[in-house]
Amino acid sequence: MTREEFDAYCKTLKATTHVVQWGGASVWKVGGKIFAICSNWGPDDKETDDMAAPARISFKCSDLSYQILCELEGIVPAPYLARAKWVQLQSADALSKDDLKSYIADAHGIIAAKLTKKMQTELGLL
């Protein structure tokens, strides 16, 4: 999934907001809480604003999904976020687009469920 496809899909999820931060990373939130991030990495493995660079997608997942995904080729615990059960795709073919969309939707749901009932109601999530 490219960064453009990632952004287009995340935009379809309910009550999301988007910011570009941390050196150009595409950060998606629900209720002000991050559920998925896409950053671009250059050939020297440093974050870059170059949209043509390969996308590295990170997302929140359930405990079980975290265990399963971390055993797959091309998926690692997300730097700085692994303790909160986040994974990062290191290669574009680590998951199919449909599977990745499903995990991103799950990430959105996990984070949305942690919001207060009042916030969920205000965002139209209930």
C-alpha atoms as a PDB file:
ATOM      1  CA  MET A   1       0.000   0.000   0.000  1.00  0.00           C
ATOM      2  CA  THR A   2       1.386   3.389  -0.938  1.00  0.00           C
ATOM      3  CA  ARG A   3       1.182   6.422   1.305  1.00  0.00           C
ATOM      4  CA  GLU A   4      -1.514   7.883  -0.945  1.00  0.00           C
ATOM      5  CA  GLU A   5      -3.576   4.681  -0.673  1.00  0.00           C
ATOM      6  CA  PHE A   6      -3.000   4.626   3.098  1.00  0.00           C
ATOM      7  CA  ASP A   7      -4.218   8.220   3.468  1.00  0.00           C
ATOM      8  CA  ALA A   8      -7.207   7.630   1.185  1.00  0.00           C
ATOM      9  CA  TYR A   9      -8.279   4.573   3.190  1.00  0.00           C
ATOM     10  CA  CYS A  10      -7.795   6.146   6.642  1.00  0.00           C
ATOM     11  CA  LYS A  11      -9.861   9.121   5.479  1.00  0.00           C
ATOM     12  CA  THR A  12     -12.857   6.792   4.959  1.00  0.00           C
ATOM     13  CA  LEU A  13     -12.904   5.716   8.606  1.00  0.00           C
ATOM     14  CA  LYS A  14     -15.364   7.501  10.866  1.00  0.00           C
ATOM     15  CA  ALA A  15     -14.389  10.607  12.861  1.00  0.00           C
ATOM     16  CA  THR A  16     -10.734  10.626  11.825  1.00  0.00           C
ATOM     17  CA  THR A  17      -8.319  13.533  11.720  1.00  0.00           C
ATOM     18  CA  HIS A  18      -5.027  13.758   9.870  1.00  0.00           C
ATOM     19  CA  VAL A  19      -1.812  15.606  10.652  1.00  0.00           C
ATOM     20  CA  VAL A  20       1.664  15.539   9.167  1.00  0.00           C
ATOM     21  CA  GLN A  21       4.291  15.521  11.892  1.00  0.00           C
ATOM     22  CA  TRP A  22       7.579  13.930  12.965  1.00  0.00           C
ATOM     23  CA  GLY A  23       9.530  14.770   9.842  1.00  0.00           C
ATOM     24  CA  GLY A  24       6.659  14.326   7.412  1.00  0.00           C
ATOM     25  CA  ALA A  25       4.883  11.246   8.782  1.00  0.00           C
ATOM     26  CA  SER A  26       1.191  10.912   7.927  1.00  0.00           C
ATOM     27  CA  VAL A  27      -0.513  10.498  11.322  1.00  0.00           C
ATOM     28  CA  TRP A  28      -4.161   9.436  11.622  1.00  0.00           C
ATOM     29  CA  LYS A  29      -6.171   9.928  14.793  1.00  0.00           C
ATOM     30  CA  VAL A  30      -9.615   9.302  16.184  1.00  0.00           C
ATOM     31  CA  GLY A  31     -10.680  11.463  19.118  1.00  0.00           C
ATOM     32  CA  GLY A  32      -7.182  12.946  19.219  1.00  0.00           C
ATOM     33  CA  LYS A  33      -5.565   9.520  19.722  1.00  0.00           C
ATOM     34  CA  ILE A  34      -3.272   7.992  17.093  1.00  0.00           C
ATOM     35  CA  PHE A  35      -4.292   4.703  15.483  1.00  0.00           C
ATOM     36  CA  ALA A  36      -2.043   4.536  12.378  1.00  0.00           C
ATOM     37  CA  ILE A  37       1.097   6.180  11.011  1.00  0.00           C
ATOM     38  CA  CYS A  38       2.753   6.134   7.602  1.00  0.00           C
ATOM     39  CA  SER A  39       6.283   7.439   7.217  1.00  0.00           C
ATOM     40  CA  ASN A  40       8.541   7.377   4.202  1.00  0.00           C
ATOM     41  CA  TRP A  41      12.091   6.081   4.448  1.00  0.00           C
ATOM     42  CA  GLY A  42      14.950   6.784   2.082  1.00  0.00           C
ATOM     43  CA  PRO A  43      17.694   4.424   0.925  1.00  0.00           C
ATOM     44  CA  ASP A  44      19.842   5.316   3.943  1.00  0.00           C
ATOM     45  CA  ASP A  45      16.944   4.200   6.201  1.00  0.00           C
ATOM     46  CA  LYS A  46      16.299   7.708   7.492  1.00  0.00           C
ATOM     47  CA  GLU A  47      12.912   9.342   7.495  1.00  0.00           C
ATOM     48  CA  THR A  48      12.396  11.601   4.500  1.00  0.00           C
ATOM     49  CA  ASP A  49       9.712  13.833   3.015  1.00  0.00           C
ATOM     50  CA  ASP A  50      10.222  12.087  -0.345  1.00  0.00           C
ATOM     51  CA  MET A  51       6.794  10.655  -1.217  1.00  0.00           C
ATOM     52  CA  ALA A  52       8.455   8.267  -3.699  1.00  0.00           C
ATOM     53  CA  ALA A  53      10.375   6.562  -0.883  1.00  0.00           C
ATOM     54  CA  PRO A  54       8.938   3.274   0.412  1.00  0.00           C
ATOM     55  CA  ALA A  55       6.131   3.653   2.950  1.00  0.00           C
ATOM     56  CA  ARG A  56       6.483   2.215   6.442  1.00  0.00           C
ATOM     57  CA  ILE A  57       3.076   1.736   7.984  1.00  0.00           C
ATOM     58  CA  SER A  58       2.592   1.326  11.737  1.00  0.00           C
ATOM     59  CA  PHE A  59      -0.651   0.633  13.562  1.00  0.00           C
ATOM     60  CA  LYS A  60      -2.129  -0.357  16.910  1.00  0.00           C
ATOM     61  CA  CYS A  61      -3.323  -3.953  17.221  1.00  0.00           C
ATOM     62  CA  SER A  62      -4.842  -6.351  19.700  1.00  0.00           C
ATOM     63  CA  ASP A  63      -2.604  -8.484  21.912  1.00  0.00           C
ATOM     64  CA  LEU A  64      -3.283 -11.588  19.808  1.00  0.00           C
ATOM     65  CA  SER A  65      -2.777  -9.806  16.481  1.00  0.00           C
ATOM     66  CA  TYR A  66       0.465  -8.334  17.815  1.00  0.00           C
ATOM     67  CA  GLN A  67       1.814 -11.808  18.611  1.00  0.00           C
ATOM     68  CA  ILE A  68       0.775 -13.220  15.241  1.00  0.00           C
ATOM     69  CA  LEU A  69       1.926 -10.266  13.134  1.00  0.00           C
ATOM     70  CA  CYS A  70       5.345 -10.041  14.782  1.00  0.00           C
ATOM     71  CA  GLU A  71       6.044 -13.604  13.640  1.00  0.00           C
ATOM     72  CA  LEU A  72       5.458 -12.721   9.971  1.00  0.00           C
ATOM     73  CA  GLU A  73       8.227 -11.828   7.545  1.00  0.00           C
ATOM     74  CA  GLY A  74       8.451  -8.076   7.000  1.00  0.00           C
ATOM     75  CA  ILE A  75       6.611  -7.054  10.183  1.00  0.00           C
ATOM     76  CA  VAL A  76       8.342  -5.919  13.384  1.00  0.00           C
ATOM     77  CA  PRO A  77       7.351  -4.366  16.692  1.00  0.00           C
ATOM     78  CA  ALA A  78       6.994  -0.648  15.963  1.00  0.00           C
ATOM     79  CA  PRO A  79       9.905   1.455  17.218  1.00  0.00           C
ATOM     80  CA  TYR A  80       8.976   3.382  20.380  1.00  0.00           C
ATOM     81  CA  LEU A  81       5.417   1.965  20.329  1.00  0.00           C
ATOM     82  CA  ALA A  82       5.899  -1.788  20.704  1.00  0.00           C
ATOM     83  CA  ARG A  83       5.078  -1.770  24.420  1.00  0.00           C
ATOM     84  CA  ALA A  84       1.624  -0.458  23.456  1.00  0.00           C
ATOM     85  CA  LYS A  85       1.183  -3.320  20.929  1.00  0.00           C
ATOM     86  CA  TRP A  86       1.990  -1.469  17.719  1.00  0.00           C
ATOM     87  CA  VAL A  87       3.578  -3.124  14.686  1.00  0.00           C
ATOM     88  CA  GLN A  88       5.411  -1.705  11.683  1.00  0.00           C
ATOM     89  CA  LEU A  89       5.453  -3.102   8.160  1.00  0.00           C
ATOM     90  CA  GLN A  90       9.025  -3.179   6.893  1.00  0.00           C
ATOM     91  CA  SER A  91       8.092  -4.277   3.382  1.00  0.00           C
ATOM     92  CA  ALA A  92       5.222  -3.471   1.044  1.00  0.00           C
ATOM     93  CA  ASP A  93       4.313  -7.128   0.588  1.00  0.00           C
ATOM     94  CA  ALA A  94       4.209  -8.041   4.295  1.00  0.00           C
ATOM     95  CA  LEU A  95       0.379  -7.991   4.151  1.00  0.00           C
ATOM     96  CA  SER A  96      -2.110  -7.858   1.298  1.00  0.00           C
ATOM     97  CA  LYS A  97      -3.908  -4.521   0.847  1.00  0.00           C
ATOM     98  CA  ASP A  98      -7.161  -6.073   2.041  1.00  0.00           C
ATOM     99  CA  ASP A  99      -5.537  -7.520   5.171  1.00  0.00           C
ATOM    100  CA  LEU A 100      -3.787  -4.226   5.892  1.00  0.00           C
ATOM    101  CA  LYS A 101      -7.053  -2.306   5.526  1.00  0.00           C
ATOM    102  CA  SER A 102      -8.689  -4.743   7.938  1.00  0.00           C
ATOM    103  CA  TYR A 103      -5.927  -4.263  10.530  1.00  0.00           C
ATOM    104  CA  ILE A 104      -6.086  -0.475  10.151  1.00  0.00           C
ATOM    105  CA  ALA A 105      -9.873  -0.575  10.651  1.00  0.00           C
ATOM    106  CA  ASP A 106      -9.296  -2.735  13.748  1.00  0.00           C
ATOM    107  CA  ALA A 107      -6.717  -0.206  15.021  1.00  0.00           C
ATOM    108  CA  HIS A 108      -9.282   2.564  14.566  1.00  0.00           C
ATOM    109  CA  GLY A 109     -11.831   0.507  16.515  1.00  0.00           C
ATOM    110  CA  ILE A 110      -9.407  -0.308  19.343  1.00  0.00           C
ATOM    111  CA  ILE A 111      -8.509   3.343  19.853  1.00  0.00           C
ATOM    112  CA  ALA A 112     -12.112   4.551  19.451  1.00  0.00           C
ATOM    113  CA  ALA A 113     -13.258   2.058  22.101  1.00  0.00           C
ATOM    114  CA  LYS A 114     -10.815   3.607  24.602  1.00  0.00           C
ATOM    115  CA  LEU A 115     -12.395   7.040  24.262  1.00  0.00           C
ATOM    116  CA  THR A 116     -14.932   8.178  26.829  1.00  0.00           C
ATOM    117  CA  LYS A 117     -18.559   7.391  26.047  1.00  0.00           C
ATOM    118  CA  LYS A 118     -19.188  11.132  25.858  1.00  0.00           C
ATOM    119  CA  MET A 119     -16.444  11.588  23.242  1.00  0.00           C
ATOM    120  CA  GLN A 120     -17.644   8.529  21.313  1.00  0.00           C
ATOM    121  CA  THR A 121     -21.135  10.013  21.219  1.00  0.00           C
ATOM    122  CA  GLU A 122     -19.878  13.449  20.158  1.00  0.00           C
ATOM    123  CA  LEU A 123     -17.865  11.860  17.319  1.00  0.00           C
ATOM    124  CA  GLY A 124     -20.827   9.754  16.180  1.00  0.00           C
ATOM    125  CA  LEU A 125     -19.062   6.507  16.965  1.00  0.00           C
ATOM    126  CA  LEU A 126     -21.889   5.044  19.074  1.00  0.00           C
END
